Amino acid sequence: MQLRTAVVEKKLQTVFYAFGLLIGRRPWSVIASVIVLVALSSIGLLNFEQTNNAKTEFTPISAPSRDELAAVEKFLQQNGTLFLVNMMI
């Protein structure tokens, strides 16, 4: 009786052997198709924006710290950053 893993291994061996033959027979076609695939996949990075603000992104909406921050901003009336120490425990 053959193990299930042996059956899967045989199928994978067949698939990778065929893939290796394809690459060996048409290397430039494979290289060109990989470059096109990467270029198409990278188009989405043009609109990517990263937001990393601990005060707004990582605290719950109902957290008391949001109310405290609003009170501090109202009291200090600064346009720029408050230079508060962010400590994550």
PDB file of N, CA and C in Angstrom:
ATOM      1  N   MET A   1       0.831  -1.182   0.000  1.00  0.00           N
ATOM      2  CA  MET A   1       0.000   0.000   0.000  1.00  0.00           C
ATOM      3  C   MET A   1       0.879   1.249   0.000  1.00  0.00           C
ATOM      4  N   GLN A   2       0.518   2.185  -0.862  1.00  0.00           N
ATOM      5  CA  GLN A   2       1.312   3.397  -1.014  1.00  0.00           C
ATOM      6  C   GLN A   2       0.773   4.496  -0.091  1.00  0.00           C
ATOM      7  N   LEU A   3       1.672   5.227   0.525  1.00  0.00           N
ATOM      8  CA  LEU A   3       1.267   6.310   1.417  1.00  0.00           C
ATOM      9  C   LEU A   3       0.684   7.476   0.624  1.00  0.00           C
ATOM     10  N   ARG A   4      -0.174   8.246   1.288  1.00  0.00           N
ATOM     11  CA  ARG A   4      -0.764   9.415   0.627  1.00  0.00           C
ATOM     12  C   ARG A   4       0.305  10.433   0.265  1.00  0.00           C
ATOM     13  N   THR A   5       1.284  10.574   1.135  1.00  0.00           N
ATOM     14  CA  THR A   5       2.347  11.537   0.838  1.00  0.00           C
ATOM     15  C   THR A   5       3.161  11.122  -0.378  1.00  0.00           C
ATOM     16  N   ALA A   6       3.288   9.834  -0.613  1.00  0.00           N
ATOM     17  CA  ALA A   6       4.020   9.363  -1.783  1.00  0.00           C
ATOM     18  C   ALA A   6       3.271   9.718  -3.059  1.00  0.00           C
ATOM     19  N   VAL A   7       1.951   9.660  -3.017  1.00  0.00           N
ATOM     20  CA  VAL A   7       1.146  10.027  -4.188  1.00  0.00           C
ATOM     21  C   VAL A   7       1.298  11.514  -4.479  1.00  0.00           C
ATOM     22  N   VAL A   8       1.222  12.319  -3.424  1.00  0.00           N
ATOM     23  CA  VAL A   8       1.373  13.768  -3.596  1.00  0.00           C
ATOM     24  C   VAL A   8       2.772  14.095  -4.093  1.00  0.00           C
ATOM     25  N   GLU A   9       3.770  13.416  -3.548  1.00  0.00           N
ATOM     26  CA  GLU A   9       5.146  13.656  -3.966  1.00  0.00           C
ATOM     27  C   GLU A   9       5.345  13.305  -5.441  1.00  0.00           C
ATOM     28  N   LYS A  10       4.736  12.230  -5.889  1.00  0.00           N
ATOM     29  CA  LYS A  10       4.847  11.822  -7.297  1.00  0.00           C
ATOM     30  C   LYS A  10       4.208  12.863  -8.215  1.00  0.00           C
ATOM     31  N   LYS A  11       3.039  13.393  -7.814  1.00  0.00           N
ATOM     32  CA  LYS A  11       2.375  14.432  -8.618  1.00  0.00           C
ATOM     33  C   LYS A  11       3.229  15.692  -8.667  1.00  0.00           C
ATOM     34  N   LEU A  12       3.766  16.093  -7.509  1.00  0.00           N
ATOM     35  CA  LEU A  12       4.618  17.282  -7.475  1.00  0.00           C
ATOM     36  C   LEU A  12       5.876  17.087  -8.315  1.00  0.00           C
ATOM     37  N   GLN A  13       6.435  15.904  -8.273  1.00  0.00           N
ATOM     38  CA  GLN A  13       7.615  15.609  -9.069  1.00  0.00           C
ATOM     39  C   GLN A  13       7.306  15.750 -10.559  1.00  0.00           C
ATOM     40  N   THR A  14       6.156  15.274 -10.979  1.00  0.00           N
ATOM     41  CA  THR A  14       5.749  15.380 -12.384  1.00  0.00           C
ATOM     42  C   THR A  14       5.545  16.831 -12.789  1.00  0.00           C
ATOM     43  N   VAL A  15       4.877  17.608 -11.915  1.00  0.00           N
ATOM     44  CA  VAL A  15       4.611  19.018 -12.223  1.00  0.00           C
ATOM     45  C   VAL A  15       5.916  19.799 -12.325  1.00  0.00           C
ATOM     46  N   PHE A  16       6.811  19.627 -11.357  1.00  0.00           N
ATOM     47  CA  PHE A  16       8.063  20.375 -11.380  1.00  0.00           C
ATOM     48  C   PHE A  16       8.981  19.926 -12.514  1.00  0.00           C
ATOM     49  N   TYR A  17       8.922  18.667 -12.876  1.00  0.00           N
ATOM     50  CA  TYR A  17       9.711  18.199 -14.014  1.00  0.00           C
ATOM     51  C   TYR A  17       9.224  18.858 -15.299  1.00  0.00           C
ATOM     52  N   ALA A  18       7.905  18.934 -15.479  1.00  0.00           N
ATOM     53  CA  ALA A  18       7.348  19.588 -16.666  1.00  0.00           C
ATOM     54  C   ALA A  18       7.677  21.077 -16.665  1.00  0.00           C
ATOM     55  N   PHE A  19       7.631  21.698 -15.488  1.00  0.00           N
ATOM     56  CA  PHE A  19       7.966  23.119 -15.387  1.00  0.00           C
ATOM     57  C   PHE A  19       9.437  23.349 -15.724  1.00  0.00           C
ATOM     58  N   GLY A  20      10.302  22.469 -15.269  1.00  0.00           N
ATOM     59  CA  GLY A  20      11.727  22.566 -15.599  1.00  0.00           C
ATOM     60  C   GLY A  20      11.978  22.392 -17.086  1.00  0.00           C
ATOM     61  N   LEU A  21      11.252  21.483 -17.725  1.00  0.00           N
ATOM     62  CA  LEU A  21      11.386  21.312 -19.175  1.00  0.00           C
ATOM     63  C   LEU A  21      10.945  22.568 -19.920  1.00  0.00           C
ATOM     64  N   LEU A  22       9.850  23.174 -19.465  1.00  0.00           N
ATOM     65  CA  LEU A  22       9.374  24.408 -20.091  1.00  0.00           C
ATOM     66  C   LEU A  22      10.420  25.508 -19.983  1.00  0.00           C
ATOM     67  N   ILE A  23      10.998  25.665 -18.800  1.00  0.00           N
ATOM     68  CA  ILE A  23      12.018  26.697 -18.610  1.00  0.00           C
ATOM     69  C   ILE A  23      13.256  26.386 -19.442  1.00  0.00           C
ATOM     70  N   GLY A  24      13.632  25.122 -19.515  1.00  0.00           N
ATOM     71  CA  GLY A  24      14.810  24.743 -20.292  1.00  0.00           C
ATOM     72  C   GLY A  24      14.624  24.920 -21.787  1.00  0.00           C
ATOM     73  N   ARG A  25      13.412  24.709 -22.285  1.00  0.00           N
ATOM     74  CA  ARG A  25      13.157  24.830 -23.720  1.00  0.00           C
ATOM     75  C   ARG A  25      12.965  26.278 -24.155  1.00  0.00           C
ATOM     76  N   ARG A  26      12.347  27.091 -23.329  1.00  0.00           N
ATOM     77  CA  ARG A  26      12.044  28.479 -23.685  1.00  0.00           C
ATOM     78  C   ARG A  26      12.438  29.427 -22.546  1.00  0.00           C
ATOM     79  N   PRO A  27      13.735  29.579 -22.287  1.00  0.00           N
ATOM     80  CA  PRO A  27      14.136  30.406 -21.142  1.00  0.00           C
ATOM     81  C   PRO A  27      13.780  31.883 -21.313  1.00  0.00           C
ATOM     82  N   TRP A  28      13.941  32.414 -22.506  1.00  0.00           N
ATOM     83  CA  TRP A  28      13.671  33.843 -22.707  1.00  0.00           C
ATOM     84  C   TRP A  28      12.181  34.149 -22.628  1.00  0.00           C
ATOM     85  N   SER A  29      11.355  33.231 -23.059  1.00  0.00           N
ATOM     86  CA  SER A  29       9.907  33.431 -22.925  1.00  0.00           C
ATOM     87  C   SER A  29       9.489  33.430 -21.456  1.00  0.00           C
ATOM     88  N   VAL A  30      10.090  32.542 -20.682  1.00  0.00           N
ATOM     89  CA  VAL A  30       9.772  32.482 -19.252  1.00  0.00           C
ATOM     90  C   VAL A  30      10.254  33.743 -18.548  1.00  0.00           C
ATOM     91  N   ILE A  31      11.456  34.199 -18.862  1.00  0.00           N
ATOM     92  CA  ILE A  31      11.986  35.424 -18.250  1.00  0.00           C
ATOM     93  C   ILE A  31      11.108  36.613 -18.605  1.00  0.00           C
ATOM     94  N   ALA A  32      10.720  36.726 -19.876  1.00  0.00           N
ATOM     95  CA  ALA A  32       9.875  37.846 -20.303  1.00  0.00           C
ATOM     96  C   ALA A  32       8.506  37.793 -19.632  1.00  0.00           C
ATOM     97  N   SER A  33       7.933  36.602 -19.529  1.00  0.00           N
ATOM     98  CA  SER A  33       6.610  36.504 -18.902  1.00  0.00           C
ATOM     99  C   SER A  33       6.673  36.813 -17.406  1.00  0.00           C
ATOM    100  N   VAL A  34       7.750  36.447 -16.740  1.00  0.00           N
ATOM    101  CA  VAL A  34       7.905  36.773 -15.319  1.00  0.00           C
ATOM    102  C   VAL A  34       8.060  38.277 -15.135  1.00  0.00           C
ATOM    103  N   ILE A  35       8.821  38.931 -16.009  1.00  0.00           N
ATOM    104  CA  ILE A  35       8.991  40.386 -15.926  1.00  0.00           C
ATOM    105  C   ILE A  35       7.661  41.089 -16.155  1.00  0.00           C
ATOM    106  N   VAL A  36       6.883  40.631 -17.123  1.00  0.00           N
ATOM    107  CA  VAL A  36       5.564  41.232 -17.381  1.00  0.00           C
ATOM    108  C   VAL A  36       4.639  41.013 -16.185  1.00  0.00           C
ATOM    109  N   LEU A  37       4.654  39.831 -15.607  1.00  0.00           N
ATOM    110  CA  LEU A  37       3.815  39.543 -14.442  1.00  0.00           C
ATOM    111  C   LEU A  37       4.182  40.432 -13.251  1.00  0.00           C
ATOM    112  N   VAL A  38       5.479  40.621 -13.015  1.00  0.00           N
ATOM    113  CA  VAL A  38       5.918  41.481 -11.912  1.00  0.00           C
ATOM    114  C   VAL A  38       5.546  42.930 -12.183  1.00  0.00           C
ATOM    115  N   ALA A  39       5.682  43.380 -13.427  1.00  0.00           N
ATOM    116  CA  ALA A  39       5.321  44.762 -13.768  1.00  0.00           C
ATOM    117  C   ALA A  39       3.826  44.999 -13.570  1.00  0.00           C
ATOM    118  N   LEU A  40       3.003  44.054 -13.995  1.00  0.00           N
ATOM    119  CA  LEU A  40       1.562  44.199 -13.806  1.00  0.00           C
ATOM    120  C   LEU A  40       1.182  44.158 -12.328  1.00  0.00           C
ATOM    121  N   SER A  41       1.860  43.333 -11.566  1.00  0.00           N
ATOM    122  CA  SER A  41       1.565  43.240 -10.138  1.00  0.00           C
ATOM    123  C   SER A  41       2.011  44.487  -9.382  1.00  0.00           C
ATOM    124  N   SER A  42       3.000  45.190  -9.898  1.00  0.00           N
ATOM    125  CA  SER A  42       3.541  46.367  -9.220  1.00  0.00           C
ATOM    126  C   SER A  42       2.743  47.630  -9.481  1.00  0.00           C
ATOM    127  N   ILE A  43       1.799  47.596 -10.390  1.00  0.00           N
ATOM    128  CA  ILE A  43       1.012  48.792 -10.703  1.00  0.00           C
ATOM    129  C   ILE A  43       0.242  49.269  -9.477  1.00  0.00           C
ATOM    130  N   GLY A  44      -0.218  48.360  -8.660  1.00  0.00           N
ATOM    131  CA  GLY A  44      -0.962  48.731  -7.467  1.00  0.00           C
ATOM    132  C   GLY A  44      -0.142  49.517  -6.459  1.00  0.00           C
ATOM    133  N   LEU A  45       1.174  49.408  -6.496  1.00  0.00           N
ATOM    134  CA  LEU A  45       2.015  50.145  -5.557  1.00  0.00           C
ATOM    135  C   LEU A  45       2.035  51.642  -5.830  1.00  0.00           C
ATOM    136  N   LEU A  46       1.594  52.065  -7.009  1.00  0.00           N
ATOM    137  CA  LEU A  46       1.586  53.492  -7.318  1.00  0.00           C
ATOM    138  C   LEU A  46       0.601  54.254  -6.439  1.00  0.00           C
ATOM    139  N   ASN A  47      -0.488  53.623  -6.052  1.00  0.00           N
ATOM    140  CA  ASN A  47      -1.510  54.270  -5.229  1.00  0.00           C
ATOM    141  C   ASN A  47      -1.413  53.894  -3.754  1.00  0.00           C
ATOM    142  N   PHE A  48      -0.349  53.250  -3.355  1.00  0.00           N
ATOM    143  CA  PHE A  48      -0.202  52.775  -1.982  1.00  0.00           C
ATOM    144  C   PHE A  48       0.204  53.918  -1.068  1.00  0.00           C
ATOM    145  N   GLU A  49      -0.546  54.081   0.018  1.00  0.00           N
ATOM    146  CA  GLU A  49      -0.197  55.067   1.037  1.00  0.00           C
ATOM    147  C   GLU A  49      -0.123  54.359   2.379  1.00  0.00           C
ATOM    148  N   GLN A  50       0.960  54.582   3.084  1.00  0.00           N
ATOM    149  CA  GLN A  50       1.133  53.948   4.381  1.00  0.00           C
ATOM    150  C   GLN A  50       0.803  54.953   5.474  1.00  0.00           C
ATOM    151  N   THR A  51      -0.044  54.553   6.390  1.00  0.00           N
ATOM    152  CA  THR A  51      -0.396  55.386   7.531  1.00  0.00           C
ATOM    153  C   THR A  51       0.086  54.684   8.786  1.00  0.00           C
ATOM    154  N   ASN A  52       0.928  55.360   9.536  1.00  0.00           N
ATOM    155  CA  ASN A  52       1.454  54.775  10.757  1.00  0.00           C
ATOM    156  C   ASN A  52       1.408  55.835  11.851  1.00  0.00           C
ATOM    157  N   ASN A  53       0.241  56.008  12.431  1.00  0.00           N
ATOM    158  CA  ASN A  53       0.046  56.986  13.480  1.00  0.00           C
ATOM    159  C   ASN A  53      -0.582  56.264  14.665  1.00  0.00           C
ATOM    160  N   ALA A  54       0.174  56.110  15.729  1.00  0.00           N
ATOM    161  CA  ALA A  54      -0.300  55.336  16.875  1.00  0.00           C
ATOM    162  C   ALA A  54      -1.500  55.989  17.546  1.00  0.00           C
ATOM    163  N   LYS A  55      -1.590  57.308  17.473  1.00  0.00           N
ATOM    164  CA  LYS A  55      -2.691  57.997  18.145  1.00  0.00           C
ATOM    165  C   LYS A  55      -4.030  57.739  17.467  1.00  0.00           C
ATOM    166  N   THR A  56      -4.029  57.540  16.174  1.00  0.00           N
ATOM    167  CA  THR A  56      -5.295  57.376  15.458  1.00  0.00           C
ATOM    168  C   THR A  56      -5.521  55.962  14.940  1.00  0.00           C
ATOM    169  N   GLU A  57      -4.484  55.251  14.613  1.00  0.00           N
ATOM    170  CA  GLU A  57      -4.644  53.957  13.950  1.00  0.00           C
ATOM    171  C   GLU A  57      -4.711  52.772  14.903  1.00  0.00           C
ATOM    172  N   PHE A  58      -4.021  52.848  16.024  1.00  0.00           N
ATOM    173  CA  PHE A  58      -3.896  51.678  16.889  1.00  0.00           C
ATOM    174  C   PHE A  58      -4.689  51.791  18.187  1.00  0.00           C
ATOM    175  N   THR A  59      -5.485  52.829  18.327  1.00  0.00           N
ATOM    176  CA  THR A  59      -6.311  52.961  19.528  1.00  0.00           C
ATOM    177  C   THR A  59      -7.774  52.833  19.139  1.00  0.00           C
ATOM    178  N   PRO A  60      -8.580  52.205  19.980  1.00  0.00           N
ATOM    179  CA  PRO A  60     -10.008  52.066  19.677  1.00  0.00           C
ATOM    180  C   PRO A  60     -10.699  53.426  19.627  1.00  0.00           C
ATOM    181  N   ILE A  61     -11.789  53.498  18.885  1.00  0.00           N
ATOM    182  CA  ILE A  61     -12.521  54.757  18.735  1.00  0.00           C
ATOM    183  C   ILE A  61     -13.076  55.225  20.080  1.00  0.00           C
ATOM    184  N   SER A  62     -13.475  54.304  20.922  1.00  0.00           N
ATOM    185  CA  SER A  62     -14.072  54.677  22.209  1.00  0.00           C
ATOM    186  C   SER A  62     -13.048  54.766  23.339  1.00  0.00           C
ATOM    187  N   ALA A  63     -11.760  54.801  23.021  1.00  0.00           N
ATOM    188  CA  ALA A  63     -10.730  54.827  24.060  1.00  0.00           C
ATOM    189  C   ALA A  63     -10.689  56.187  24.756  1.00  0.00           C
ATOM    190  N   PRO A  64     -10.473  56.206  26.059  1.00  0.00           N
ATOM    191  CA  PRO A  64     -10.370  57.477  26.783  1.00  0.00           C
ATOM    192  C   PRO A  64      -9.189  58.321  26.323  1.00  0.00           C
ATOM    193  N   SER A  65      -8.157  57.688  25.803  1.00  0.00           N
ATOM    194  CA  SER A  65      -6.987  58.447  25.366  1.00  0.00           C
ATOM    195  C   SER A  65      -7.314  59.379  24.206  1.00  0.00           C
ATOM    196  N   ARG A  66      -8.297  59.039  23.384  1.00  0.00           N
ATOM    197  CA  ARG A  66      -8.702  59.947  22.303  1.00  0.00           C
ATOM    198  C   ARG A  66      -9.315  61.227  22.873  1.00  0.00           C
ATOM    199  N   ASP A  67     -10.151  61.093  23.900  1.00  0.00           N
ATOM    200  CA  ASP A  67     -10.740  62.276  24.531  1.00  0.00           C
ATOM    201  C   ASP A  67      -9.671  63.115  25.220  1.00  0.00           C
ATOM    202  N   GLU A  68      -8.720  62.449  25.864  1.00  0.00           N
ATOM    203  CA  GLU A  68      -7.641  63.168  26.533  1.00  0.00           C
ATOM    204  C   GLU A  68      -6.776  63.913  25.528  1.00  0.00           C
ATOM    205  N   LEU A  69      -6.485  63.286  24.395  1.00  0.00           N
ATOM    206  CA  LEU A  69      -5.693  63.943  23.361  1.00  0.00           C
ATOM    207  C   LEU A  69      -6.429  65.152  22.807  1.00  0.00           C
ATOM    208  N   ALA A  70      -7.732  65.030  22.603  1.00  0.00           N
ATOM    209  CA  ALA A  70      -8.518  66.166  22.114  1.00  0.00           C
ATOM    210  C   ALA A  70      -8.497  67.307  23.123  1.00  0.00           C
ATOM    211  N   ALA A  71      -8.566  66.989  24.423  1.00  0.00           N
ATOM    212  CA  ALA A  71      -8.518  68.027  25.455  1.00  0.00           C
ATOM    213  C   ALA A  71      -7.156  68.704  25.486  1.00  0.00           C
ATOM    214  N   VAL A  72      -6.089  67.936  25.337  1.00  0.00           N
ATOM    215  CA  VAL A  72      -4.739  68.513  25.327  1.00  0.00           C
ATOM    216  C   VAL A  72      -4.557  69.404  24.106  1.00  0.00           C
ATOM    217  N   GLU A  73      -5.014  68.943  22.941  1.00  0.00           N
ATOM    218  CA  GLU A  73      -4.893  69.758  21.728  1.00  0.00           C
ATOM    219  C   GLU A  73      -5.694  71.049  21.851  1.00  0.00           C
ATOM    220  N   LYS A  74      -6.865  70.977  22.447  1.00  0.00           N
ATOM    221  CA  LYS A  74      -7.686  72.174  22.635  1.00  0.00           C
ATOM    222  C   LYS A  74      -7.017  73.131  23.619  1.00  0.00           C
ATOM    223  N   PHE A  75      -6.428  72.596  24.679  1.00  0.00           N
ATOM    224  CA  PHE A  75      -5.789  73.423  25.698  1.00  0.00           C
ATOM    225  C   PHE A  75      -4.529  74.095  25.161  1.00  0.00           C
ATOM    226  N   LEU A  76      -3.699  73.347  24.440  1.00  0.00           N
ATOM    227  CA  LEU A  76      -2.431  73.900  23.962  1.00  0.00           C
ATOM    228  C   LEU A  76      -2.599  74.727  22.696  1.00  0.00           C
ATOM    229  N   GLN A  77      -3.601  74.461  21.903  1.00  0.00           N
ATOM    230  CA  GLN A  77      -3.896  75.194  20.663  1.00  0.00           C
ATOM    231  C   GLN A  77      -2.666  75.310  19.765  1.00  0.00           C
ATOM    232  N   GLN A  78      -2.088  74.168  19.444  1.00  0.00           N
ATOM    233  CA  GLN A  78      -0.935  74.135  18.556  1.00  0.00           C
ATOM    234  C   GLN A  78      -1.369  73.619  17.198  1.00  0.00           C
ATOM    235  N   ASN A  79      -0.716  74.129  16.170  1.00  0.00           N
ATOM    236  CA  ASN A  79      -0.994  73.649  14.819  1.00  0.00           C
ATOM    237  C   ASN A  79      -0.149  72.422  14.483  1.00  0.00           C
ATOM    238  N   GLY A  80       1.036  72.348  15.035  1.00  0.00           N
ATOM    239  CA  GLY A  80       1.945  71.248  14.713  1.00  0.00           C
ATOM    240  C   GLY A  80       1.734  70.061  15.624  1.00  0.00           C
ATOM    241  N   THR A  81       2.763  69.241  15.698  1.00  0.00           N
ATOM    242  CA  THR A  81       2.671  68.061  16.557  1.00  0.00           C
ATOM    243  C   THR A  81       2.874  68.467  18.007  1.00  0.00           C
ATOM    244  N   LEU A  82       2.403  67.629  18.898  1.00  0.00           N
ATOM    245  CA  LEU A  82       2.504  67.914  20.327  1.00  0.00           C
ATOM    246  C   LEU A  82       3.781  67.355  20.940  1.00  0.00           C
ATOM    247  N   PHE A  83       4.515  66.570  20.215  1.00  0.00           N
ATOM    248  CA  PHE A  83       5.725  65.916  20.705  1.00  0.00           C
ATOM    249  C   PHE A  83       5.444  65.127  21.983  1.00  0.00           C
ATOM    250  N   LEU A  84       4.320  64.442  22.011  1.00  0.00           N
ATOM    251  CA  LEU A  84       3.993  63.600  23.150  1.00  0.00           C
ATOM    252  C   LEU A  84       4.770  62.296  23.051  1.00  0.00           C
ATOM    253  N   VAL A  85       5.080  61.745  24.189  1.00  0.00           N
ATOM    254  CA  VAL A  85       5.797  60.477  24.208  1.00  0.00           C
ATOM    255  C   VAL A  85       4.776  59.358  24.037  1.00  0.00           C
ATOM    256  N   ASN A  86       4.983  58.543  23.023  1.00  0.00           N
ATOM    257  CA  ASN A  86       4.120  57.382  22.794  1.00  0.00           C
ATOM    258  C   ASN A  86       4.820  56.164  23.365  1.00  0.00           C
ATOM    259  N   MET A  87       4.210  55.546  24.344  1.00  0.00           N
ATOM    260  CA  MET A  87       4.809  54.376  24.959  1.00  0.00           C
ATOM    261  C   MET A  87       3.843  53.212  24.817  1.00  0.00           C
ATOM    262  N   MET A  88       4.318  52.156  24.178  1.00  0.00           N
ATOM    263  CA  MET A  88       3.488  50.972  24.004  1.00  0.00           C
ATOM    264  C   MET A  88       3.984  49.900  24.957  1.00  0.00           C
ATOM    265  N   ILE A  89       3.081  49.371  25.733  1.00  0.00           N
ATOM    266  CA  ILE A  89       3.457  48.360  26.725  1.00  0.00           C
ATOM    267  C   ILE A  89       2.953  47.020  26.247  1.00  0.00           C
TER     268      ILE A  89
END
